[in-house]
Amino acid sequence: WLHELLPLHLRRFLLVTAGVDESVPALRSVLAPARGLVV
């Protein structure tokens, strides 16, 4: 469902977390093929 909120053109992202959990890999797969950092 996240695609409904993402910009039309997605090349680079910054994923902000507060203590990394198991959702991060799933989120990165949804954001692919865009590249970015997890902070």
PDB file of all heavy atoms in Angstrom:
ATOM      1  N   TRP A   1       0.815  -1.215   0.000  1.00  0.00           N
ATOM      2  CA  TRP A   1       0.000   0.000   0.000  1.00  0.00           C
ATOM      3  C   TRP A   1       0.850   1.268   0.000  1.00  0.00           C
ATOM      4  O   TRP A   1       0.375   2.356  -0.293  1.00  0.00           O
ATOM      5  CB  TRP A   1      -0.913   0.014   1.230  1.00  0.00           C
ATOM      6  CG  TRP A   1      -0.164  -0.236   2.508  1.00  0.00           C
ATOM      7  CD1 TRP A   1       0.030  -1.439   3.118  1.00  0.00           C
ATOM      8  CD2 TRP A   1       0.521   0.732   3.308  1.00  0.00           C
ATOM      9  NE1 TRP A   1       0.793  -1.283   4.249  1.00  0.00           N
ATOM     10  CE2 TRP A   1       1.102   0.034   4.389  1.00  0.00           C
ATOM     11  CE3 TRP A   1       0.690   2.115   3.208  1.00  0.00           C
ATOM     12  CZ2 TRP A   1       1.842   0.684   5.379  1.00  0.00           C
ATOM     13  CZ3 TRP A   1       1.430   2.760   4.191  1.00  0.00           C
ATOM     14  CH2 TRP A   1       2.003   2.048   5.262  1.00  0.00           C
ATOM     15  N   LEU A   2       2.127   1.129   0.324  1.00  0.00           N
ATOM     16  CA  LEU A   2       2.999   2.287   0.434  1.00  0.00           C
ATOM     17  C   LEU A   2       3.146   3.041  -0.885  1.00  0.00           C
ATOM     18  O   LEU A   2       3.385   4.248  -0.905  1.00  0.00           O
ATOM     19  CB  LEU A   2       4.378   1.825   0.934  1.00  0.00           C
ATOM     20  CG  LEU A   2       5.345   2.892   1.431  1.00  0.00           C
ATOM     21  CD1 LEU A   2       4.762   3.681   2.583  1.00  0.00           C
ATOM     22  CD2 LEU A   2       6.655   2.219   1.857  1.00  0.00           C
ATOM     23  N   HIS A   3       2.965   2.340  -2.007  1.00  0.00           N
ATOM     24  CA  HIS A   3       3.110   2.983  -3.314  1.00  0.00           C
ATOM     25  C   HIS A   3       2.116   4.127  -3.493  1.00  0.00           C
ATOM     26  O   HIS A   3       2.369   5.038  -4.290  1.00  0.00           O
ATOM     27  CB  HIS A   3       2.939   1.945  -4.427  1.00  0.00           C
ATOM     28  CG  HIS A   3       4.093   0.993  -4.539  1.00  0.00           C
ATOM     29  ND1 HIS A   3       5.336   1.384  -4.995  1.00  0.00           N
ATOM     30  CD2 HIS A   3       4.199  -0.330  -4.233  1.00  0.00           C
ATOM     31  CE1 HIS A   3       6.156   0.349  -4.979  1.00  0.00           C
ATOM     32  NE2 HIS A   3       5.494  -0.704  -4.525  1.00  0.00           N
ATOM     33  N   GLU A   4       1.002   4.096  -2.769  1.00  0.00           N
ATOM     34  CA  GLU A   4       0.015   5.172  -2.869  1.00  0.00           C
ATOM     35  C   GLU A   4       0.555   6.495  -2.343  1.00  0.00           C
ATOM     36  O   GLU A   4       0.043   7.561  -2.693  1.00  0.00           O
ATOM     37  CB  GLU A   4      -1.250   4.800  -2.080  1.00  0.00           C
ATOM     38  CG  GLU A   4      -1.940   3.548  -2.582  1.00  0.00           C
ATOM     39  CD  GLU A   4      -3.098   3.156  -1.683  1.00  0.00           C
ATOM     40  OE1 GLU A   4      -3.676   4.055  -1.023  1.00  0.00           O
ATOM     41  OE2 GLU A   4      -3.437   1.962  -1.636  1.00  0.00           O
ATOM     42  N   LEU A   5       1.588   6.444  -1.512  1.00  0.00           N
ATOM     43  CA  LEU A   5       2.130   7.643  -0.884  1.00  0.00           C
ATOM     44  C   LEU A   5       3.475   8.073  -1.472  1.00  0.00           C
ATOM     45  O   LEU A   5       3.900   9.213  -1.268  1.00  0.00           O
ATOM     46  CB  LEU A   5       2.301   7.413   0.623  1.00  0.00           C
ATOM     47  CG  LEU A   5       1.039   7.038   1.396  1.00  0.00           C
ATOM     48  CD1 LEU A   5       1.388   6.727   2.850  1.00  0.00           C
ATOM     49  CD2 LEU A   5       0.007   8.153   1.329  1.00  0.00           C
ATOM     50  N   LEU A   6       4.121   7.188  -2.191  1.00  0.00           N
ATOM     51  CA  LEU A   6       5.454   7.488  -2.716  1.00  0.00           C
ATOM     52  C   LEU A   6       5.378   8.424  -3.914  1.00  0.00           C
ATOM     53  O   LEU A   6       4.369   8.467  -4.620  1.00  0.00           O
ATOM     54  CB  LEU A   6       6.153   6.193  -3.120  1.00  0.00           C
ATOM     55  CG  LEU A   6       6.463   5.203  -1.987  1.00  0.00           C
ATOM     56  CD1 LEU A   6       7.028   3.906  -2.559  1.00  0.00           C
ATOM     57  CD2 LEU A   6       7.423   5.816  -0.981  1.00  0.00           C
ATOM     58  N   PRO A   7       6.444   9.172  -4.173  1.00  0.00           N
ATOM     59  CA  PRO A   7       6.461  10.027  -5.363  1.00  0.00           C
ATOM     60  C   PRO A   7       6.476   9.196  -6.641  1.00  0.00           C
ATOM     61  O   PRO A   7       6.865   8.019  -6.638  1.00  0.00           O
ATOM     62  CB  PRO A   7       7.761  10.828  -5.197  1.00  0.00           C
ATOM     63  CG  PRO A   7       8.623   9.987  -4.317  1.00  0.00           C
ATOM     64  CD  PRO A   7       7.685   9.277  -3.390  1.00  0.00           C
ATOM     65  N   LEU A   8       6.057   9.822  -7.721  1.00  0.00           N
ATOM     66  CA  LEU A   8       5.970   9.120  -9.008  1.00  0.00           C
ATOM     67  C   LEU A   8       7.337   8.641  -9.467  1.00  0.00           C
ATOM     68  O   LEU A   8       7.495   7.519  -9.948  1.00  0.00           O
ATOM     69  CB  LEU A   8       5.339  10.040 -10.062  1.00  0.00           C
ATOM     70  CG  LEU A   8       5.105   9.435 -11.444  1.00  0.00           C
ATOM     71  CD1 LEU A   8       4.166   8.238 -11.356  1.00  0.00           C
ATOM     72  CD2 LEU A   8       4.551  10.488 -12.395  1.00  0.00           C
ATOM     73  N   HIS A   9       8.340   9.488  -9.332  1.00  0.00           N
ATOM     74  CA  HIS A   9       9.706   9.141  -9.735  1.00  0.00           C
ATOM     75  C   HIS A   9      10.536   8.914  -8.476  1.00  0.00           C
ATOM     76  O   HIS A   9      10.743   9.830  -7.682  1.00  0.00           O
ATOM     77  CB  HIS A   9      10.323  10.250 -10.589  1.00  0.00           C
ATOM     78  CG  HIS A   9       9.521  10.554 -11.824  1.00  0.00           C
ATOM     79  ND1 HIS A   9       9.429   9.670 -12.876  1.00  0.00           N
ATOM     80  CD2 HIS A   9       8.769  11.633 -12.147  1.00  0.00           C
ATOM     81  CE1 HIS A   9       8.656  10.198 -13.812  1.00  0.00           C
ATOM     82  NE2 HIS A   9       8.240  11.383 -13.392  1.00  0.00           N
ATOM     83  N   LEU A  10      10.988   7.689  -8.298  1.00  0.00           N
ATOM     84  CA  LEU A  10      11.721   7.315  -7.090  1.00  0.00           C
ATOM     85  C   LEU A  10      13.050   6.694  -7.469  1.00  0.00           C
ATOM     86  O   LEU A  10      13.112   5.575  -7.971  1.00  0.00           O
ATOM     87  CB  LEU A  10      10.879   6.337  -6.260  1.00  0.00           C
ATOM     88  CG  LEU A  10      11.507   5.803  -4.965  1.00  0.00           C
ATOM     89  CD1 LEU A  10      11.937   6.936  -4.051  1.00  0.00           C
ATOM     90  CD2 LEU A  10      10.521   4.885  -4.253  1.00  0.00           C
ATOM     91  N   ARG A  11      14.095   7.464  -7.238  1.00  0.00           N
ATOM     92  CA  ARG A  11      15.436   6.983  -7.556  1.00  0.00           C
ATOM     93  C   ARG A  11      16.307   6.830  -6.303  1.00  0.00           C
ATOM     94  O   ARG A  11      17.086   5.915  -6.192  1.00  0.00           O
ATOM     95  CB  ARG A  11      16.113   7.945  -8.538  1.00  0.00           C
ATOM     96  CG  ARG A  11      15.423   8.024  -9.890  1.00  0.00           C
ATOM     97  CD  ARG A  11      15.955   9.168 -10.729  1.00  0.00           C
ATOM     98  NE  ARG A  11      15.664  10.459 -10.111  1.00  0.00           N
ATOM     99  CZ  ARG A  11      14.533  11.152 -10.308  1.00  0.00           C
ATOM    100  NH1 ARG A  11      13.597  10.663 -11.103  1.00  0.00           N
ATOM    101  NH2 ARG A  11      14.340  12.302  -9.704  1.00  0.00           N
ATOM    102  N   ARG A  12      16.159   7.800  -5.373  1.00  0.00           N
ATOM    103  CA  ARG A  12      16.955   7.789  -4.149  1.00  0.00           C
ATOM    104  C   ARG A  12      16.035   7.957  -2.946  1.00  0.00           C
ATOM    105  O   ARG A  12      15.088   8.735  -2.998  1.00  0.00           O
ATOM    106  CB  ARG A  12      17.970   8.923  -4.156  1.00  0.00           C
ATOM    107  CG  ARG A  12      19.003   8.849  -5.275  1.00  0.00           C
ATOM    108  CD  ARG A  12      20.069   7.811  -4.997  1.00  0.00           C
ATOM    109  NE  ARG A  12      20.813   8.080  -3.770  1.00  0.00           N
ATOM    110  CZ  ARG A  12      21.772   7.281  -3.282  1.00  0.00           C
ATOM    111  NH1 ARG A  12      22.076   6.168  -3.922  1.00  0.00           N
ATOM    112  NH2 ARG A  12      22.406   7.595  -2.178  1.00  0.00           N
ATOM    113  N   PHE A  13      16.322   7.228  -1.867  1.00  0.00           N
ATOM    114  CA  PHE A  13      15.497   7.331  -0.665  1.00  0.00           C
ATOM    115  C   PHE A  13      16.376   7.427   0.578  1.00  0.00           C
ATOM    116  O   PHE A  13      17.553   7.040   0.570  1.00  0.00           O
ATOM    117  CB  PHE A  13      14.552   6.129  -0.531  1.00  0.00           C
ATOM    118  CG  PHE A  13      15.241   4.817  -0.263  1.00  0.00           C
ATOM    119  CD1 PHE A  13      15.603   4.440   1.029  1.00  0.00           C
ATOM    120  CD2 PHE A  13      15.529   3.947  -1.308  1.00  0.00           C
ATOM    121  CE1 PHE A  13      16.247   3.235   1.271  1.00  0.00           C
ATOM    122  CE2 PHE A  13      16.167   2.733  -1.074  1.00  0.00           C
ATOM    123  CZ  PHE A  13      16.531   2.380   0.221  1.00  0.00           C
ATOM    124  N   LEU A  14      15.776   7.921   1.643  1.00  0.00           N
ATOM    125  CA  LEU A  14      16.375   7.876   2.972  1.00  0.00           C
ATOM    126  C   LEU A  14      15.319   7.276   3.900  1.00  0.00           C
ATOM    127  O   LEU A  14      14.224   7.839   4.047  1.00  0.00           O
ATOM    128  CB  LEU A  14      16.775   9.271   3.457  1.00  0.00           C
ATOM    129  CG  LEU A  14      17.493   9.281   4.816  1.00  0.00           C
ATOM    130  CD1 LEU A  14      18.915   8.744   4.661  1.00  0.00           C
ATOM    131  CD2 LEU A  14      17.525  10.687   5.411  1.00  0.00           C
ATOM    132  N   LEU A  15      15.627   6.139   4.488  1.00  0.00           N
ATOM    133  CA  LEU A  15      14.709   5.448   5.384  1.00  0.00           C
ATOM    134  C   LEU A  15      15.120   5.732   6.821  1.00  0.00           C
ATOM    135  O   LEU A  15      16.215   5.364   7.246  1.00  0.00           O
ATOM    136  CB  LEU A  15      14.731   3.943   5.096  1.00  0.00           C
ATOM    137  CG  LEU A  15      13.890   3.039   5.994  1.00  0.00           C
ATOM    138  CD1 LEU A  15      12.432   3.480   6.021  1.00  0.00           C
ATOM    139  CD2 LEU A  15      14.010   1.586   5.527  1.00  0.00           C
ATOM    140  N   VAL A  16      14.250   6.410   7.552  1.00  0.00           N
ATOM    141  CA  VAL A  16      14.539   6.821   8.926  1.00  0.00           C
ATOM    142  C   VAL A  16      13.931   5.805   9.885  1.00  0.00           C
ATOM    143  O   VAL A  16      12.726   5.544   9.849  1.00  0.00           O
ATOM    144  CB  VAL A  16      13.960   8.222   9.210  1.00  0.00           C
ATOM    145  CG1 VAL A  16      14.221   8.630  10.664  1.00  0.00           C
ATOM    146  CG2 VAL A  16      14.562   9.250   8.256  1.00  0.00           C
ATOM    147  N   THR A  17      14.768   5.233  10.750  1.00  0.00           N
ATOM    148  CA  THR A  17      14.301   4.275  11.746  1.00  0.00           C
ATOM    149  C   THR A  17      14.678   4.767  13.135  1.00  0.00           C
ATOM    150  O   THR A  17      15.496   5.669  13.310  1.00  0.00           O
ATOM    151  CB  THR A  17      14.907   2.883  11.517  1.00  0.00           C
ATOM    152  OG1 THR A  17      16.306   2.920  11.844  1.00  0.00           O
ATOM    153  CG2 THR A  17      14.728   2.431  10.080  1.00  0.00           C
ATOM    154  N   ALA A  18      14.073   4.127  14.144  1.00  0.00           N
ATOM    155  CA  ALA A  18      14.422   4.393  15.543  1.00  0.00           C
ATOM    156  C   ALA A  18      14.649   3.047  16.217  1.00  0.00           C
ATOM    157  O   ALA A  18      13.830   2.564  16.981  1.00  0.00           O
ATOM    158  CB  ALA A  18      13.316   5.181  16.230  1.00  0.00           C
ATOM    159  N   GLY A  19      15.772   2.440  15.887  1.00  0.00           N
ATOM    160  CA  GLY A  19      16.018   1.070  16.327  1.00  0.00           C
ATOM    161  C   GLY A  19      15.571   0.140  15.217  1.00  0.00           C
ATOM    162  O   GLY A  19      14.385   0.007  14.942  1.00  0.00           O
ATOM    163  N   VAL A  20      16.501  -0.463  14.525  1.00  0.00           N
ATOM    164  CA  VAL A  20      16.188  -1.252  13.331  1.00  0.00           C
ATOM    165  C   VAL A  20      15.424  -2.509  13.720  1.00  0.00           C
ATOM    166  O   VAL A  20      15.711  -3.150  14.724  1.00  0.00           O
ATOM    167  CB  VAL A  20      17.487  -1.633  12.590  1.00  0.00           C
ATOM    168  CG1 VAL A  20      17.162  -2.418  11.340  1.00  0.00           C
ATOM    169  CG2 VAL A  20      18.261  -0.381  12.241  1.00  0.00           C
ATOM    170  N   ASP A  21      14.409  -2.864  12.936  1.00  0.00           N
ATOM    171  CA  ASP A  21      13.670  -4.097  13.184  1.00  0.00           C
ATOM    172  C   ASP A  21      13.515  -4.876  11.886  1.00  0.00           C
ATOM    173  O   ASP A  21      14.067  -4.519  10.845  1.00  0.00           O
ATOM    174  CB  ASP A  21      12.311  -3.821  13.842  1.00  0.00           C
ATOM    175  CG  ASP A  21      11.402  -2.970  12.979  1.00  0.00           C
ATOM    176  OD1 ASP A  21      11.471  -3.086  11.739  1.00  0.00           O
ATOM    177  OD2 ASP A  21      10.626  -2.179  13.539  1.00  0.00           O
ATOM    178  N   GLU A  22      12.716  -5.952  11.946  1.00  0.00           N
ATOM    179  CA  GLU A  22      12.612  -6.855  10.806  1.00  0.00           C
ATOM    180  C   GLU A  22      11.849  -6.273   9.627  1.00  0.00           C
ATOM    181  O   GLU A  22      11.830  -6.865   8.554  1.00  0.00           O
ATOM    182  CB  GLU A  22      11.967  -8.177  11.232  1.00  0.00           C
ATOM    183  CG  GLU A  22      10.495  -8.095  11.594  1.00  0.00           C
ATOM    184  CD  GLU A  22      10.232  -7.645  13.025  1.00  0.00           C
ATOM    185  OE1 GLU A  22      11.191  -7.204  13.696  1.00  0.00           O
ATOM    186  OE2 GLU A  22       9.071  -7.717  13.457  1.00  0.00           O
ATOM    187  N   SER A  23      11.202  -5.105   9.792  1.00  0.00           N
ATOM    188  CA  SER A  23      10.451  -4.512   8.685  1.00  0.00           C
ATOM    189  C   SER A  23      11.354  -3.853   7.652  1.00  0.00           C
ATOM    190  O   SER A  23      10.933  -3.618   6.517  1.00  0.00           O
ATOM    191  CB  SER A  23       9.445  -3.478   9.214  1.00  0.00           C
ATOM    192  OG  SER A  23      10.124  -2.358   9.767  1.00  0.00           O
ATOM    193  N   VAL A  24      12.588  -3.552   8.019  1.00  0.00           N
ATOM    194  CA  VAL A  24      13.469  -2.796   7.120  1.00  0.00           C
ATOM    195  C   VAL A  24      13.732  -3.526   5.803  1.00  0.00           C
ATOM    196  O   VAL A  24      13.606  -2.924   4.727  1.00  0.00           O
ATOM    197  CB  VAL A  24      14.781  -2.417   7.829  1.00  0.00           C
ATOM    198  CG1 VAL A  24      15.784  -1.821   6.843  1.00  0.00           C
ATOM    199  CG2 VAL A  24      14.505  -1.421   8.952  1.00  0.00           C
ATOM    200  N   PRO A  25      14.084  -4.807   5.790  1.00  0.00           N
ATOM    201  CA  PRO A  25      14.286  -5.484   4.500  1.00  0.00           C
ATOM    202  C   PRO A  25      13.032  -5.460   3.631  1.00  0.00           C
ATOM    203  O   PRO A  25      13.126  -5.285   2.406  1.00  0.00           O
ATOM    204  CB  PRO A  25      14.666  -6.911   4.906  1.00  0.00           C
ATOM    205  CG  PRO A  25      15.252  -6.784   6.267  1.00  0.00           C
ATOM    206  CD  PRO A  25      14.459  -5.703   6.924  1.00  0.00           C
ATOM    207  N   ALA A  26      11.853  -5.640   4.247  1.00  0.00           N
ATOM    208  CA  ALA A  26      10.612  -5.603   3.468  1.00  0.00           C
ATOM    209  C   ALA A  26      10.394  -4.224   2.866  1.00  0.00           C
ATOM    210  O   ALA A  26       9.987  -4.094   1.707  1.00  0.00           O
ATOM    211  CB  ALA A  26       9.426  -5.987   4.349  1.00  0.00           C
ATOM    212  N   LEU A  27      10.672  -3.190   3.631  1.00  0.00           N
ATOM    213  CA  LEU A  27      10.524  -1.827   3.117  1.00  0.00           C
ATOM    214  C   LEU A  27      11.491  -1.572   1.971  1.00  0.00           C
ATOM    215  O   LEU A  27      11.131  -0.959   0.961  1.00  0.00           O
ATOM    216  CB  LEU A  27      10.767  -0.814   4.242  1.00  0.00           C
ATOM    217  CG  LEU A  27       9.615  -0.640   5.229  1.00  0.00           C
ATOM    218  CD1 LEU A  27      10.098   0.084   6.485  1.00  0.00           C
ATOM    219  CD2 LEU A  27       8.483   0.138   4.585  1.00  0.00           C
ATOM    220  N   ARG A  28      12.711  -2.029   2.108  1.00  0.00           N
ATOM    221  CA  ARG A  28      13.686  -1.830   1.043  1.00  0.00           C
ATOM    222  C   ARG A  28      13.277  -2.556  -0.239  1.00  0.00           C
ATOM    223  O   ARG A  28      13.524  -2.064  -1.336  1.00  0.00           O
ATOM    224  CB  ARG A  28      15.071  -2.289   1.508  1.00  0.00           C
ATOM    225  CG  ARG A  28      15.660  -1.389   2.583  1.00  0.00           C
ATOM    226  CD  ARG A  28      17.106  -1.671   2.844  1.00  0.00           C
ATOM    227  NE  ARG A  28      17.923  -1.449   1.654  1.00  0.00           N
ATOM    228  CZ  ARG A  28      19.243  -1.309   1.683  1.00  0.00           C
ATOM    229  NH1 ARG A  28      19.893  -1.373   2.831  1.00  0.00           N
ATOM    230  NH2 ARG A  28      19.909  -1.127   0.579  1.00  0.00           N
ATOM    231  N   SER A  29      12.635  -3.705  -0.089  1.00  0.00           N
ATOM    232  CA  SER A  29      12.186  -4.420  -1.280  1.00  0.00           C
ATOM    233  C   SER A  29      11.077  -3.656  -1.992  1.00  0.00           C
ATOM    234  O   SER A  29      10.991  -3.665  -3.228  1.00  0.00           O
ATOM    235  CB  SER A  29      11.722  -5.829  -0.914  1.00  0.00           C
ATOM    236  OG  SER A  29      10.513  -5.791  -0.172  1.00  0.00           O
ATOM    237  N   VAL A  30      10.212  -2.981  -1.226  1.00  0.00           N
ATOM    238  CA  VAL A  30       9.151  -2.178  -1.832  1.00  0.00           C
ATOM    239  C   VAL A  30       9.738  -0.954  -2.529  1.00  0.00           C
ATOM    240  O   VAL A  30       9.255  -0.528  -3.584  1.00  0.00           O
ATOM    241  CB  VAL A  30       8.123  -1.750  -0.765  1.00  0.00           C
ATOM    242  CG1 VAL A  30       7.121  -0.750  -1.327  1.00  0.00           C
ATOM    243  CG2 VAL A  30       7.381  -2.963  -0.226  1.00  0.00           C
ATOM    244  N   LEU A  31      10.792  -0.395  -1.963  1.00  0.00           N
ATOM    245  CA  LEU A  31      11.415   0.801  -2.539  1.00  0.00           C
ATOM    246  C   LEU A  31      12.300   0.479  -3.745  1.00  0.00           C
ATOM    247  O   LEU A  31      12.646   1.378  -4.511  1.00  0.00           O
ATOM    248  CB  LEU A  31      12.249   1.513  -1.476  1.00  0.00           C
ATOM    249  CG  LEU A  31      11.458   2.077  -0.283  1.00  0.00           C
ATOM    250  CD1 LEU A  31      12.416   2.529   0.816  1.00  0.00           C
ATOM    251  CD2 LEU A  31      10.567   3.230  -0.723  1.00  0.00           C
ATOM    252  N   ALA A  32      12.689  -0.782  -3.913  1.00  0.00           N
ATOM    253  CA  ALA A  32      13.545  -1.169  -5.038  1.00  0.00           C
ATOM    254  C   ALA A  32      12.840  -0.860  -6.369  1.00  0.00           C
ATOM    255  O   ALA A  32      11.614  -0.899  -6.452  1.00  0.00           O
ATOM    256  CB  ALA A  32      13.876  -2.653  -4.943  1.00  0.00           C
ATOM    257  N   PRO A  33      13.630  -0.515  -7.396  1.00  0.00           N
ATOM    258  CA  PRO A  33      15.091  -0.549  -7.503  1.00  0.00           C
ATOM    259  C   PRO A  33      15.782   0.736  -7.045  1.00  0.00           C
ATOM    260  O   PRO A  33      16.970   0.923  -7.307  1.00  0.00           O
ATOM    261  CB  PRO A  33      15.315  -0.761  -9.004  1.00  0.00           C
ATOM    262  CG  PRO A  33      14.171  -0.016  -9.633  1.00  0.00           C
ATOM    263  CD  PRO A  33      12.997  -0.218  -8.703  1.00  0.00           C
ATOM    264  N   ALA A  34      15.037   1.632  -6.389  1.00  0.00           N
ATOM    265  CA  ALA A  34      15.658   2.853  -5.880  1.00  0.00           C
ATOM    266  C   ALA A  34      16.773   2.495  -4.899  1.00  0.00           C
ATOM    267  O   ALA A  34      16.728   1.456  -4.230  1.00  0.00           O
ATOM    268  CB  ALA A  34      14.617   3.736  -5.208  1.00  0.00           C
ATOM    269  N   ARG A  35      17.747   3.364  -4.791  1.00  0.00           N
ATOM    270  CA  ARG A  35      18.868   3.152  -3.889  1.00  0.00           C
ATOM    271  C   ARG A  35      18.823   4.202  -2.789  1.00  0.00           C
ATOM    272  O   ARG A  35      18.293   5.294  -2.987  1.00  0.00           O
ATOM    273  CB  ARG A  35      20.188   3.221  -4.657  1.00  0.00           C
ATOM    274  CG  ARG A  35      20.273   2.236  -5.806  1.00  0.00           C
ATOM    275  CD  ARG A  35      21.604   2.337  -6.514  1.00  0.00           C
ATOM    276  NE  ARG A  35      22.709   1.947  -5.652  1.00  0.00           N
ATOM    277  CZ  ARG A  35      23.989   2.010  -6.007  1.00  0.00           C
ATOM    278  NH1 ARG A  35      24.322   2.458  -7.206  1.00  0.00           N
ATOM    279  NH2 ARG A  35      24.942   1.633  -5.168  1.00  0.00           N
ATOM    280  N   GLY A  36      19.399   3.848  -1.637  1.00  0.00           N
ATOM    281  CA  GLY A  36      19.381   4.823  -0.564  1.00  0.00           C
ATOM    282  C   GLY A  36      20.041   4.329   0.702  1.00  0.00           C
ATOM    283  O   GLY A  36      20.696   3.281   0.721  1.00  0.00           O
ATOM    284  N   LEU A  37      19.825   5.088   1.767  1.00  0.00           N
ATOM    285  CA  LEU A  37      20.410   4.793   3.060  1.00  0.00           C
ATOM    286  C   LEU A  37      19.323   4.500   4.087  1.00  0.00           C
ATOM    287  O   LEU A  37      18.206   5.009   3.988  1.00  0.00           O
ATOM    288  CB  LEU A  37      21.239   5.984   3.563  1.00  0.00           C
ATOM    289  CG  LEU A  37      22.569   6.294   2.891  1.00  0.00           C
ATOM    290  CD1 LEU A  37      23.171   7.553   3.523  1.00  0.00           C
ATOM    291  CD2 LEU A  37      23.529   5.127   3.033  1.00  0.00           C
ATOM    292  N   VAL A  38      19.699   3.696   5.078  1.00  0.00           N
ATOM    293  CA  VAL A  38      18.858   3.487   6.251  1.00  0.00           C
ATOM    294  C   VAL A  38      19.582   4.135   7.431  1.00  0.00           C
ATOM    295  O   VAL A  38      20.751   3.809   7.692  1.00  0.00           O
ATOM    296  CB  VAL A  38      18.641   1.992   6.530  1.00  0.00           C
ATOM    297  CG1 VAL A  38      17.754   1.802   7.768  1.00  0.00           C
ATOM    298  CG2 VAL A  38      18.026   1.309   5.318  1.00  0.00           C
ATOM    299  N   VAL A  39      18.917   5.040   8.117  1.00  0.00           N
ATOM    300  CA  VAL A  39      19.539   5.723   9.251  1.00  0.00           C
ATOM    301  C   VAL A  39      18.747   5.442  10.519  1.00  0.00           C
ATOM    302  O   VAL A  39      17.543   5.206  10.483  1.00  0.00           O
ATOM    303  CB  VAL A  39      19.638   7.252   9.024  1.00  0.00           C
ATOM    304  CG1 VAL A  39      20.497   7.556   7.803  1.00  0.00           C
ATOM    305  CG2 VAL A  39      18.264   7.887   8.889  1.00  0.00           C
TER     306      VAL A  39
END
